[in-house]
């Protein structure tokens, strides 16, 4: 009898701990939520000692828990995206480049379509180690289009690094072997590596060896790379220097080439700035 009294007291205290204002006992003797009117407890067989009432979540508590988990998931996703952006090495100039603010004209609609399709099919592109080569004259949108791809994938929690060989070589100056290995491993660890301005690096044996090594590492790891260059396709195909030839052979093996041509956006914007400044200063 004493045992049953103790159990009754314990059960009562437990119920008080999860019973809120407005809650009530239903016709079946179970505690119900005063808001959603669903059960807050149920009976279970307790170790062969008969049935016991245990607390459960009512519908509104379960919904609140699910909403909290979703908020936490989204917060973690945003933290992950921010961390990925910090690690992306992307120049501030390109951090706002998106497909939404891509300035379309009759000459670049194909570029936009291919870039968007690359993102849409990135899982297959990754599995097939399929990269892109954006080539053509200065200022025609190669880097901007590559940055649109980078930012889209970063927003979808895909690891991307976007940098240039010039910056890579500057970073690696003075590195000992251990630091250089850690740096190149970082470049090789991301799902997509984007390197701007192939061909702008110095033509020293050291520089070209590092350029080849980075591209070849991606090839051997079966991971895609996107490259931009101001060189023409014929210049790359006609390279007679064995140092360049092996670089470009790897590039053609890994990357789908897309030519960018037309009026330079940079020259167009410079002309617009000139005219605007002239109007303001000279009236």
C-alpha atoms as a PDB file:
ATOM      1  CA  UNK A   1       0.000   0.000   0.000  1.00  0.00           C
ATOM      2  CA  UNK A   2       2.830   2.345   0.897  1.00  0.00           C
ATOM      3  CA  UNK A   3       4.384   1.528  -2.473  1.00  0.00           C
ATOM      4  CA  UNK A   4       1.251   2.490  -4.367  1.00  0.00           C
ATOM      5  CA  UNK A   5       0.961   5.741  -2.411  1.00  0.00           C
ATOM      6  CA  UNK A   6       4.574   6.632  -3.255  1.00  0.00           C
ATOM      7  CA  UNK A   7       3.988   5.824  -6.924  1.00  0.00           C
ATOM      8  CA  UNK A   8       0.895   8.008  -6.903  1.00  0.00           C
ATOM      9  CA  UNK A   9       2.806  10.939  -5.410  1.00  0.00           C
ATOM     10  CA  UNK A  10       5.678  10.532  -7.914  1.00  0.00           C
ATOM     11  CA  UNK A  11       3.221  10.357 -10.821  1.00  0.00           C
ATOM     12  CA  UNK A  12       1.485  13.479  -9.573  1.00  0.00           C
ATOM     13  CA  UNK A  13       4.740  15.399  -9.305  1.00  0.00           C
ATOM     14  CA  UNK A  14       5.771  14.242 -12.779  1.00  0.00           C
ATOM     15  CA  UNK A  15       2.468  15.404 -14.211  1.00  0.00           C
ATOM     16  CA  UNK A  16       2.872  18.820 -12.596  1.00  0.00           C
ATOM     17  CA  UNK A  17       6.243  19.184 -14.312  1.00  0.00           C
ATOM     18  CA  UNK A  18       4.712  19.040 -17.809  1.00  0.00           C
ATOM     19  CA  UNK A  19       1.182  20.254 -17.093  1.00  0.00           C
ATOM     20  CA  UNK A  20       0.622  23.840 -18.224  1.00  0.00           C
ATOM     21  CA  UNK A  21      -2.124  26.385 -17.650  1.00  0.00           C
ATOM     22  CA  UNK A  22      -5.185  25.413 -19.645  1.00  0.00           C
ATOM     23  CA  UNK A  23      -4.311  21.718 -19.832  1.00  0.00           C
ATOM     24  CA  UNK A  24      -7.059  19.373 -18.695  1.00  0.00           C
ATOM     25  CA  UNK A  25      -7.913  15.722 -18.092  1.00  0.00           C
ATOM     26  CA  UNK A  26      -9.854  14.205 -20.981  1.00  0.00           C
ATOM     27  CA  UNK A  27     -12.736  11.767 -20.810  1.00  0.00           C
ATOM     28  CA  UNK A  28     -10.270   8.877 -21.080  1.00  0.00           C
ATOM     29  CA  UNK A  29      -8.375  10.107 -18.017  1.00  0.00           C
ATOM     30  CA  UNK A  30      -5.384  11.318 -20.041  1.00  0.00           C
ATOM     31  CA  UNK A  31      -3.856  14.776 -19.772  1.00  0.00           C
ATOM     32  CA  UNK A  32      -4.673  16.908 -22.830  1.00  0.00           C
ATOM     33  CA  UNK A  33      -3.200  20.151 -24.168  1.00  0.00           C
ATOM     34  CA  UNK A  34      -5.350  23.208 -23.601  1.00  0.00           C
ATOM     35  CA  UNK A  35      -4.229  24.667 -26.966  1.00  0.00           C
ATOM     36  CA  UNK A  36      -4.359  21.869 -29.539  1.00  0.00           C
ATOM     37  CA  UNK A  37      -6.523  19.468 -27.480  1.00  0.00           C
ATOM     38  CA  UNK A  38      -4.366  16.441 -28.204  1.00  0.00           C
ATOM     39  CA  UNK A  39      -2.992  14.017 -25.601  1.00  0.00           C
ATOM     40  CA  UNK A  40       0.052  14.848 -23.491  1.00  0.00           C
ATOM     41  CA  UNK A  41       0.351  11.363 -21.982  1.00  0.00           C
ATOM     42  CA  UNK A  42      -0.354   7.729 -22.770  1.00  0.00           C
ATOM     43  CA  UNK A  43      -0.298   4.369 -21.035  1.00  0.00           C
ATOM     44  CA  UNK A  44       2.436   1.773 -21.494  1.00  0.00           C
ATOM     45  CA  UNK A  45       3.177  -1.614 -19.931  1.00  0.00           C
ATOM     46  CA  UNK A  46       5.950  -0.948 -17.437  1.00  0.00           C
ATOM     47  CA  UNK A  47       8.292  -3.918 -16.884  1.00  0.00           C
ATOM     48  CA  UNK A  48       5.464  -6.315 -16.127  1.00  0.00           C
ATOM     49  CA  UNK A  49       4.250  -4.093 -13.279  1.00  0.00           C
ATOM     50  CA  UNK A  50       1.071  -3.046 -15.021  1.00  0.00           C
ATOM     51  CA  UNK A  51       0.216   0.040 -17.015  1.00  0.00           C
ATOM     52  CA  UNK A  52       1.800   3.388 -16.298  1.00  0.00           C
ATOM     53  CA  UNK A  53       1.082   6.832 -17.687  1.00  0.00           C
ATOM     54  CA  UNK A  54       4.025   8.524 -19.401  1.00  0.00           C
ATOM     55  CA  UNK A  55       4.374  11.986 -20.855  1.00  0.00           C
ATOM     56  CA  UNK A  56       4.275  12.510 -24.615  1.00  0.00           C
ATOM     57  CA  UNK A  57       4.356  15.629 -26.747  1.00  0.00           C
ATOM     58  CA  UNK A  58       1.068  17.058 -27.885  1.00  0.00           C
ATOM     59  CA  UNK A  59       0.701  18.189 -31.494  1.00  0.00           C
ATOM     60  CA  UNK A  60       1.636  21.836 -30.880  1.00  0.00           C
ATOM     61  CA  UNK A  61       4.724  20.825 -28.846  1.00  0.00           C
ATOM     62  CA  UNK A  62       5.786  18.415 -31.609  1.00  0.00           C
ATOM     63  CA  UNK A  63       5.271  21.148 -34.222  1.00  0.00           C
ATOM     64  CA  UNK A  64       7.286  23.617 -32.117  1.00  0.00           C
ATOM     65  CA  UNK A  65      10.116  21.088 -31.763  1.00  0.00           C
ATOM     66  CA  UNK A  66      10.130  20.428 -35.509  1.00  0.00           C
ATOM     67  CA  UNK A  67      10.171  24.178 -36.225  1.00  0.00           C
ATOM     68  CA  UNK A  68      13.105  24.646 -33.825  1.00  0.00           C
ATOM     69  CA  UNK A  69      15.034  21.813 -35.479  1.00  0.00           C
ATOM     70  CA  UNK A  70      14.380  23.366 -38.896  1.00  0.00           C
ATOM     71  CA  UNK A  71      15.622  26.771 -37.656  1.00  0.00           C
ATOM     72  CA  UNK A  72      18.752  25.144 -36.261  1.00  0.00           C
ATOM     73  CA  UNK A  73      19.280  23.248 -39.528  1.00  0.00           C
ATOM     74  CA  UNK A  74      18.991  26.461 -41.553  1.00  0.00           C
ATOM     75  CA  UNK A  75      21.306  28.316 -39.158  1.00  0.00           C
ATOM     76  CA  UNK A  76      23.893  25.555 -39.476  1.00  0.00           C
ATOM     77  CA  UNK A  77      23.484  25.628 -43.249  1.00  0.00           C
ATOM     78  CA  UNK A  78      24.084  29.394 -43.275  1.00  0.00           C
ATOM     79  CA  UNK A  79      27.139  28.965 -41.019  1.00  0.00           C
ATOM     80  CA  UNK A  80      28.392  26.293 -43.412  1.00  0.00           C
ATOM     81  CA  UNK A  81      27.902  28.611 -46.406  1.00  0.00           C
ATOM     82  CA  UNK A  82      29.681  31.470 -44.601  1.00  0.00           C
ATOM     83  CA  UNK A  83      32.588  29.175 -43.728  1.00  0.00           C
ATOM     84  CA  UNK A  84      32.730  27.991 -47.342  1.00  0.00           C
ATOM     85  CA  UNK A  85      32.785  31.604 -48.575  1.00  0.00           C
ATOM     86  CA  UNK A  86      35.629  32.466 -46.211  1.00  0.00           C
ATOM     87  CA  UNK A  87      37.564  29.448 -47.514  1.00  0.00           C
ATOM     88  CA  UNK A  88      36.745  30.146 -51.168  1.00  0.00           C
ATOM     89  CA  UNK A  89      39.625  32.651 -51.652  1.00  0.00           C
ATOM     90  CA  UNK A  90      37.313  34.615 -53.965  1.00  0.00           C
ATOM     91  CA  UNK A  91      38.114  38.275 -54.634  1.00  0.00           C
ATOM     92  CA  UNK A  92      35.585  40.656 -53.111  1.00  0.00           C
ATOM     93  CA  UNK A  93      34.825  41.938 -56.628  1.00  0.00           C
ATOM     94  CA  UNK A  94      33.181  38.643 -57.541  1.00  0.00           C
ATOM     95  CA  UNK A  95      31.380  37.823 -54.299  1.00  0.00           C
ATOM     96  CA  UNK A  96      28.134  39.431 -55.507  1.00  0.00           C
ATOM     97  CA  UNK A  97      28.179  37.845 -58.972  1.00  0.00           C
ATOM     98  CA  UNK A  98      24.986  35.838 -59.509  1.00  0.00           C
ATOM     99  CA  UNK A  99      22.916  34.543 -62.382  1.00  0.00           C
ATOM    100  CA  UNK A 100      20.136  36.909 -61.284  1.00  0.00           C
ATOM    101  CA  UNK A 101      22.233  40.021 -61.942  1.00  0.00           C
ATOM    102  CA  UNK A 102      23.977  38.592 -65.014  1.00  0.00           C
ATOM    103  CA  UNK A 103      23.820  41.257 -67.738  1.00  0.00           C
ATOM    104  CA  UNK A 104      22.540  39.431 -70.787  1.00  0.00           C
ATOM    105  CA  UNK A 105      23.027  40.457 -74.384  1.00  0.00           C
ATOM    106  CA  UNK A 106      22.806  38.680 -77.717  1.00  0.00           C
ATOM    107  CA  UNK A 107      26.448  37.648 -77.459  1.00  0.00           C
ATOM    108  CA  UNK A 108      26.454  36.021 -74.029  1.00  0.00           C
ATOM    109  CA  UNK A 109      23.116  34.197 -73.732  1.00  0.00           C
ATOM    110  CA  UNK A 110      24.871  30.941 -74.616  1.00  0.00           C
ATOM    111  CA  UNK A 111      27.458  31.539 -71.874  1.00  0.00           C
ATOM    112  CA  UNK A 112      24.708  32.056 -69.298  1.00  0.00           C
ATOM    113  CA  UNK A 113      22.817  28.967 -70.426  1.00  0.00           C
ATOM    114  CA  UNK A 114      25.896  26.730 -70.292  1.00  0.00           C
ATOM    115  CA  UNK A 115      26.926  28.077 -66.875  1.00  0.00           C
ATOM    116  CA  UNK A 116      23.438  27.486 -65.452  1.00  0.00           C
ATOM    117  CA  UNK A 117      23.272  24.003 -66.950  1.00  0.00           C
ATOM    118  CA  UNK A 118      26.694  23.213 -65.496  1.00  0.00           C
ATOM    119  CA  UNK A 119      25.378  24.087 -62.036  1.00  0.00           C
ATOM    120  CA  UNK A 120      22.145  22.191 -62.602  1.00  0.00           C
ATOM    121  CA  UNK A 121      24.070  19.101 -63.696  1.00  0.00           C
ATOM    122  CA  UNK A 122      26.976  19.556 -61.291  1.00  0.00           C
ATOM    123  CA  UNK A 123      26.539  16.135 -59.703  1.00  0.00           C
ATOM    124  CA  UNK A 124      27.147  14.527 -63.107  1.00  0.00           C
ATOM    125  CA  UNK A 125      29.894  17.024 -63.946  1.00  0.00           C
ATOM    126  CA  UNK A 126      31.639  16.112 -60.693  1.00  0.00           C
ATOM    127  CA  UNK A 127      31.245  12.380 -61.225  1.00  0.00           C
ATOM    128  CA  UNK A 128      32.649  12.701 -64.759  1.00  0.00           C
ATOM    129  CA  UNK A 129      35.490  15.045 -63.747  1.00  0.00           C
ATOM    130  CA  UNK A 130      34.138  17.511 -66.320  1.00  0.00           C
ATOM    131  CA  UNK A 131      35.445  21.068 -66.181  1.00  0.00           C
ATOM    132  CA  UNK A 132      35.110  24.164 -68.351  1.00  0.00           C
ATOM    133  CA  UNK A 133      37.576  26.373 -70.219  1.00  0.00           C
ATOM    134  CA  UNK A 134      36.435  29.967 -70.757  1.00  0.00           C
ATOM    135  CA  UNK A 135      38.719  31.545 -73.358  1.00  0.00           C
ATOM    136  CA  UNK A 136      38.678  34.791 -75.314  1.00  0.00           C
ATOM    137  CA  UNK A 137      39.574  38.460 -75.278  1.00  0.00           C
ATOM    138  CA  UNK A 138      39.908  40.646 -72.197  1.00  0.00           C
ATOM    139  CA  UNK A 139      36.784  41.954 -70.479  1.00  0.00           C
ATOM    140  CA  UNK A 140      34.200  39.711 -72.136  1.00  0.00           C
ATOM    141  CA  UNK A 141      32.773  38.217 -68.932  1.00  0.00           C
ATOM    142  CA  UNK A 142      34.813  35.047 -68.462  1.00  0.00           C
ATOM    143  CA  UNK A 143      35.692  35.665 -64.811  1.00  0.00           C
ATOM    144  CA  UNK A 144      32.233  36.999 -63.982  1.00  0.00           C
ATOM    145  CA  UNK A 145      30.540  33.927 -65.446  1.00  0.00           C
ATOM    146  CA  UNK A 146      32.906  31.642 -63.528  1.00  0.00           C
ATOM    147  CA  UNK A 147      32.116  33.593 -60.334  1.00  0.00           C
ATOM    148  CA  UNK A 148      28.370  33.120 -60.946  1.00  0.00           C
ATOM    149  CA  UNK A 149      28.970  29.369 -61.007  1.00  0.00           C
ATOM    150  CA  UNK A 150      31.079  29.571 -57.839  1.00  0.00           C
ATOM    151  CA  UNK A 151      28.511  31.606 -55.909  1.00  0.00           C
ATOM    152  CA  UNK A 152      25.613  29.405 -56.995  1.00  0.00           C
ATOM    153  CA  UNK A 153      27.389  26.257 -55.841  1.00  0.00           C
ATOM    154  CA  UNK A 154      28.528  27.883 -52.587  1.00  0.00           C
ATOM    155  CA  UNK A 155      24.898  28.832 -51.857  1.00  0.00           C
ATOM    156  CA  UNK A 156      24.030  25.176 -52.345  1.00  0.00           C
ATOM    157  CA  UNK A 157      26.687  24.044 -49.843  1.00  0.00           C
ATOM    158  CA  UNK A 158      29.225  22.873 -52.437  1.00  0.00           C
ATOM    159  CA  UNK A 159      32.861  23.598 -51.600  1.00  0.00           C
ATOM    160  CA  UNK A 160      34.525  25.874 -54.163  1.00  0.00           C
ATOM    161  CA  UNK A 161      37.813  27.757 -54.367  1.00  0.00           C
ATOM    162  CA  UNK A 162      38.141  30.548 -56.935  1.00  0.00           C
ATOM    163  CA  UNK A 163      41.541  32.159 -57.324  1.00  0.00           C
ATOM    164  CA  UNK A 164      44.256  32.750 -59.930  1.00  0.00           C
ATOM    165  CA  UNK A 165      47.609  31.161 -60.654  1.00  0.00           C
ATOM    166  CA  UNK A 166      49.255  34.534 -60.009  1.00  0.00           C
ATOM    167  CA  UNK A 167      47.773  34.612 -56.507  1.00  0.00           C
ATOM    168  CA  UNK A 168      48.565  30.940 -55.905  1.00  0.00           C
ATOM    169  CA  UNK A 169      52.213  31.475 -56.799  1.00  0.00           C
ATOM    170  CA  UNK A 170      52.365  34.576 -54.589  1.00  0.00           C
ATOM    171  CA  UNK A 171      50.880  32.605 -51.691  1.00  0.00           C
ATOM    172  CA  UNK A 172      53.373  29.778 -52.152  1.00  0.00           C
ATOM    173  CA  UNK A 173      56.453  32.006 -52.147  1.00  0.00           C
ATOM    174  CA  UNK A 174      58.501  31.246 -49.084  1.00  0.00           C
ATOM    175  CA  UNK A 175      56.497  28.139 -48.164  1.00  0.00           C
ATOM    176  CA  UNK A 176      58.470  25.225 -46.836  1.00  0.00           C
ATOM    177  CA  UNK A 177      57.581  21.779 -48.143  1.00  0.00           C
ATOM    178  CA  UNK A 178      55.058  21.065 -45.398  1.00  0.00           C
ATOM    179  CA  UNK A 179      53.135  24.338 -45.851  1.00  0.00           C
ATOM    180  CA  UNK A 180      53.174  23.992 -49.634  1.00  0.00           C
ATOM    181  CA  UNK A 181      51.757  20.486 -49.377  1.00  0.00           C
ATOM    182  CA  UNK A 182      49.006  21.680 -47.014  1.00  0.00           C
ATOM    183  CA  UNK A 183      48.137  24.524 -49.399  1.00  0.00           C
ATOM    184  CA  UNK A 184      47.958  22.326 -52.499  1.00  0.00           C
ATOM    185  CA  UNK A 185      45.935  19.743 -50.561  1.00  0.00           C
ATOM    186  CA  UNK A 186      43.449  22.500 -49.750  1.00  0.00           C
ATOM    187  CA  UNK A 187      43.131  23.358 -53.454  1.00  0.00           C
ATOM    188  CA  UNK A 188      42.605  19.702 -54.240  1.00  0.00           C
ATOM    189  CA  UNK A 189      40.106  19.011 -51.455  1.00  0.00           C
ATOM    190  CA  UNK A 190      37.257  21.193 -52.759  1.00  0.00           C
ATOM    191  CA  UNK A 191      34.640  19.807 -55.121  1.00  0.00           C
ATOM    192  CA  UNK A 192      35.265  22.553 -57.688  1.00  0.00           C
ATOM    193  CA  UNK A 193      38.437  24.567 -58.279  1.00  0.00           C
ATOM    194  CA  UNK A 194      38.139  27.709 -60.428  1.00  0.00           C
ATOM    195  CA  UNK A 195      41.360  29.374 -61.573  1.00  0.00           C
ATOM    196  CA  UNK A 196      41.320  32.722 -63.322  1.00  0.00           C
ATOM    197  CA  UNK A 197      43.747  33.992 -65.969  1.00  0.00           C
ATOM    198  CA  UNK A 198      45.627  30.895 -67.065  1.00  0.00           C
ATOM    199  CA  UNK A 199      48.644  32.176 -69.000  1.00  0.00           C
ATOM    200  CA  UNK A 200      49.105  35.345 -66.935  1.00  0.00           C
ATOM    201  CA  UNK A 201      51.639  33.668 -64.637  1.00  0.00           C
ATOM    202  CA  UNK A 202      55.377  34.090 -65.147  1.00  0.00           C
ATOM    203  CA  UNK A 203      56.921  31.638 -67.601  1.00  0.00           C
ATOM    204  CA  UNK A 204      59.613  30.387 -65.219  1.00  0.00           C
ATOM    205  CA  UNK A 205      60.256  26.680 -64.789  1.00  0.00           C
ATOM    206  CA  UNK A 206      59.120  26.947 -61.166  1.00  0.00           C
ATOM    207  CA  UNK A 207      55.836  28.705 -62.000  1.00  0.00           C
ATOM    208  CA  UNK A 208      54.923  26.401 -64.875  1.00  0.00           C
ATOM    209  CA  UNK A 209      55.758  23.316 -62.830  1.00  0.00           C
ATOM    210  CA  UNK A 210      53.369  24.486 -60.092  1.00  0.00           C
ATOM    211  CA  UNK A 211      50.644  25.308 -62.643  1.00  0.00           C
ATOM    212  CA  UNK A 212      50.920  21.848 -64.171  1.00  0.00           C
ATOM    213  CA  UNK A 213      51.027  20.209 -60.744  1.00  0.00           C
ATOM    214  CA  UNK A 214      47.797  21.864 -59.588  1.00  0.00           C
ATOM    215  CA  UNK A 215      45.909  20.939 -62.773  1.00  0.00           C
ATOM    216  CA  UNK A 216      47.347  17.416 -62.784  1.00  0.00           C
ATOM    217  CA  UNK A 217      46.411  16.914 -59.122  1.00  0.00           C
ATOM    218  CA  UNK A 218      42.773  17.633 -59.997  1.00  0.00           C
ATOM    219  CA  UNK A 219      43.002  15.222 -62.922  1.00  0.00           C
ATOM    220  CA  UNK A 220      44.402  12.422 -60.781  1.00  0.00           C
ATOM    221  CA  UNK A 221      41.875  13.072 -58.011  1.00  0.00           C
ATOM    222  CA  UNK A 222      39.091  12.976 -60.641  1.00  0.00           C
ATOM    223  CA  UNK A 223      37.824  16.382 -59.598  1.00  0.00           C
ATOM    224  CA  UNK A 224      36.711  19.115 -62.031  1.00  0.00           C
ATOM    225  CA  UNK A 225      38.380  22.442 -62.676  1.00  0.00           C
ATOM    226  CA  UNK A 226      37.178  25.609 -64.425  1.00  0.00           C
ATOM    227  CA  UNK A 227      39.811  27.800 -66.064  1.00  0.00           C
ATOM    228  CA  UNK A 228      39.644  31.221 -67.700  1.00  0.00           C
ATOM    229  CA  UNK A 229      42.257  32.560 -70.093  1.00  0.00           C
ATOM    230  CA  UNK A 230      42.840  35.432 -72.511  1.00  0.00           C
ATOM    231  CA  UNK A 231      44.659  33.039 -74.821  1.00  0.00           C
ATOM    232  CA  UNK A 232      42.982  31.810 -77.993  1.00  0.00           C
ATOM    233  CA  UNK A 233      42.295  28.149 -78.597  1.00  0.00           C
ATOM    234  CA  UNK A 234      44.744  28.129 -81.510  1.00  0.00           C
ATOM    235  CA  UNK A 235      47.498  29.639 -79.330  1.00  0.00           C
ATOM    236  CA  UNK A 236      47.077  26.852 -76.814  1.00  0.00           C
ATOM    237  CA  UNK A 237      46.823  24.130 -79.453  1.00  0.00           C
ATOM    238  CA  UNK A 238      49.929  25.401 -81.261  1.00  0.00           C
ATOM    239  CA  UNK A 239      52.127  25.626 -78.143  1.00  0.00           C
ATOM    240  CA  UNK A 240      55.583  24.314 -79.035  1.00  0.00           C
ATOM    241  CA  UNK A 241      57.165  24.677 -75.593  1.00  0.00           C
ATOM    242  CA  UNK A 242      56.823  21.278 -73.920  1.00  0.00           C
ATOM    243  CA  UNK A 243      56.154  22.990 -70.570  1.00  0.00           C
ATOM    244  CA  UNK A 244      53.047  24.682 -71.958  1.00  0.00           C
ATOM    245  CA  UNK A 245      52.094  21.778 -74.187  1.00  0.00           C
ATOM    246  CA  UNK A 246      51.615  19.346 -71.309  1.00  0.00           C
ATOM    247  CA  UNK A 247      49.605  21.949 -69.361  1.00  0.00           C
ATOM    248  CA  UNK A 248      47.226  22.590 -72.252  1.00  0.00           C
ATOM    249  CA  UNK A 249      46.919  18.876 -73.073  1.00  0.00           C
ATOM    250  CA  UNK A 250      45.641  18.277 -69.535  1.00  0.00           C
ATOM    251  CA  UNK A 251      43.275  21.258 -69.820  1.00  0.00           C
ATOM    252  CA  UNK A 252      41.758  20.038 -73.102  1.00  0.00           C
ATOM    253  CA  UNK A 253      41.366  16.563 -71.640  1.00  0.00           C
ATOM    254  CA  UNK A 254      39.432  17.855 -68.613  1.00  0.00           C
ATOM    255  CA  UNK A 255      37.590  20.950 -69.819  1.00  0.00           C
ATOM    256  CA  UNK A 256      34.819  21.784 -72.273  1.00  0.00           C
ATOM    257  CA  UNK A 257      35.952  24.922 -74.183  1.00  0.00           C
ATOM    258  CA  UNK A 258      33.656  27.936 -74.517  1.00  0.00           C
ATOM    259  CA  UNK A 259      34.706  31.059 -76.415  1.00  0.00           C
ATOM    260  CA  UNK A 260      33.908  34.543 -75.105  1.00  0.00           C
ATOM    261  CA  UNK A 261      34.075  37.361 -77.627  1.00  0.00           C
ATOM    262  CA  UNK A 262      32.571  40.735 -78.334  1.00  0.00           C
ATOM    263  CA  UNK A 263      32.964  44.237 -76.930  1.00  0.00           C
ATOM    264  CA  UNK A 264      34.858  44.412 -73.656  1.00  0.00           C
ATOM    265  CA  UNK A 265      32.558  45.107 -70.705  1.00  0.00           C
ATOM    266  CA  UNK A 266      35.458  46.870 -69.002  1.00  0.00           C
ATOM    267  CA  UNK A 267      36.002  49.241 -71.933  1.00  0.00           C
ATOM    268  CA  UNK A 268      32.263  49.870 -72.158  1.00  0.00           C
ATOM    269  CA  UNK A 269      32.019  50.678 -68.441  1.00  0.00           C
ATOM    270  CA  UNK A 270      35.153  52.847 -68.602  1.00  0.00           C
ATOM    271  CA  UNK A 271      33.610  54.841 -71.458  1.00  0.00           C
ATOM    272  CA  UNK A 272      30.364  55.270 -69.511  1.00  0.00           C
ATOM    273  CA  UNK A 273      32.267  56.438 -66.410  1.00  0.00           C
ATOM    274  CA  UNK A 274      34.261  58.866 -68.536  1.00  0.00           C
ATOM    275  CA  UNK A 275      31.132  60.404 -70.064  1.00  0.00           C
ATOM    276  CA  UNK A 276      29.394  60.623 -66.670  1.00  0.00           C
ATOM    277  CA  UNK A 277      32.433  62.237 -65.030  1.00  0.00           C
ATOM    278  CA  UNK A 278      32.816  64.630 -67.957  1.00  0.00           C
ATOM    279  CA  UNK A 279      29.162  65.665 -67.633  1.00  0.00           C
ATOM    280  CA  UNK A 280      29.510  66.276 -63.887  1.00  0.00           C
ATOM    281  CA  UNK A 281      32.802  68.166 -64.109  1.00  0.00           C
ATOM    282  CA  UNK A 282      32.400  70.098 -67.352  1.00  0.00           C
ATOM    283  CA  UNK A 283      28.640  70.542 -67.383  1.00  0.00           C
END
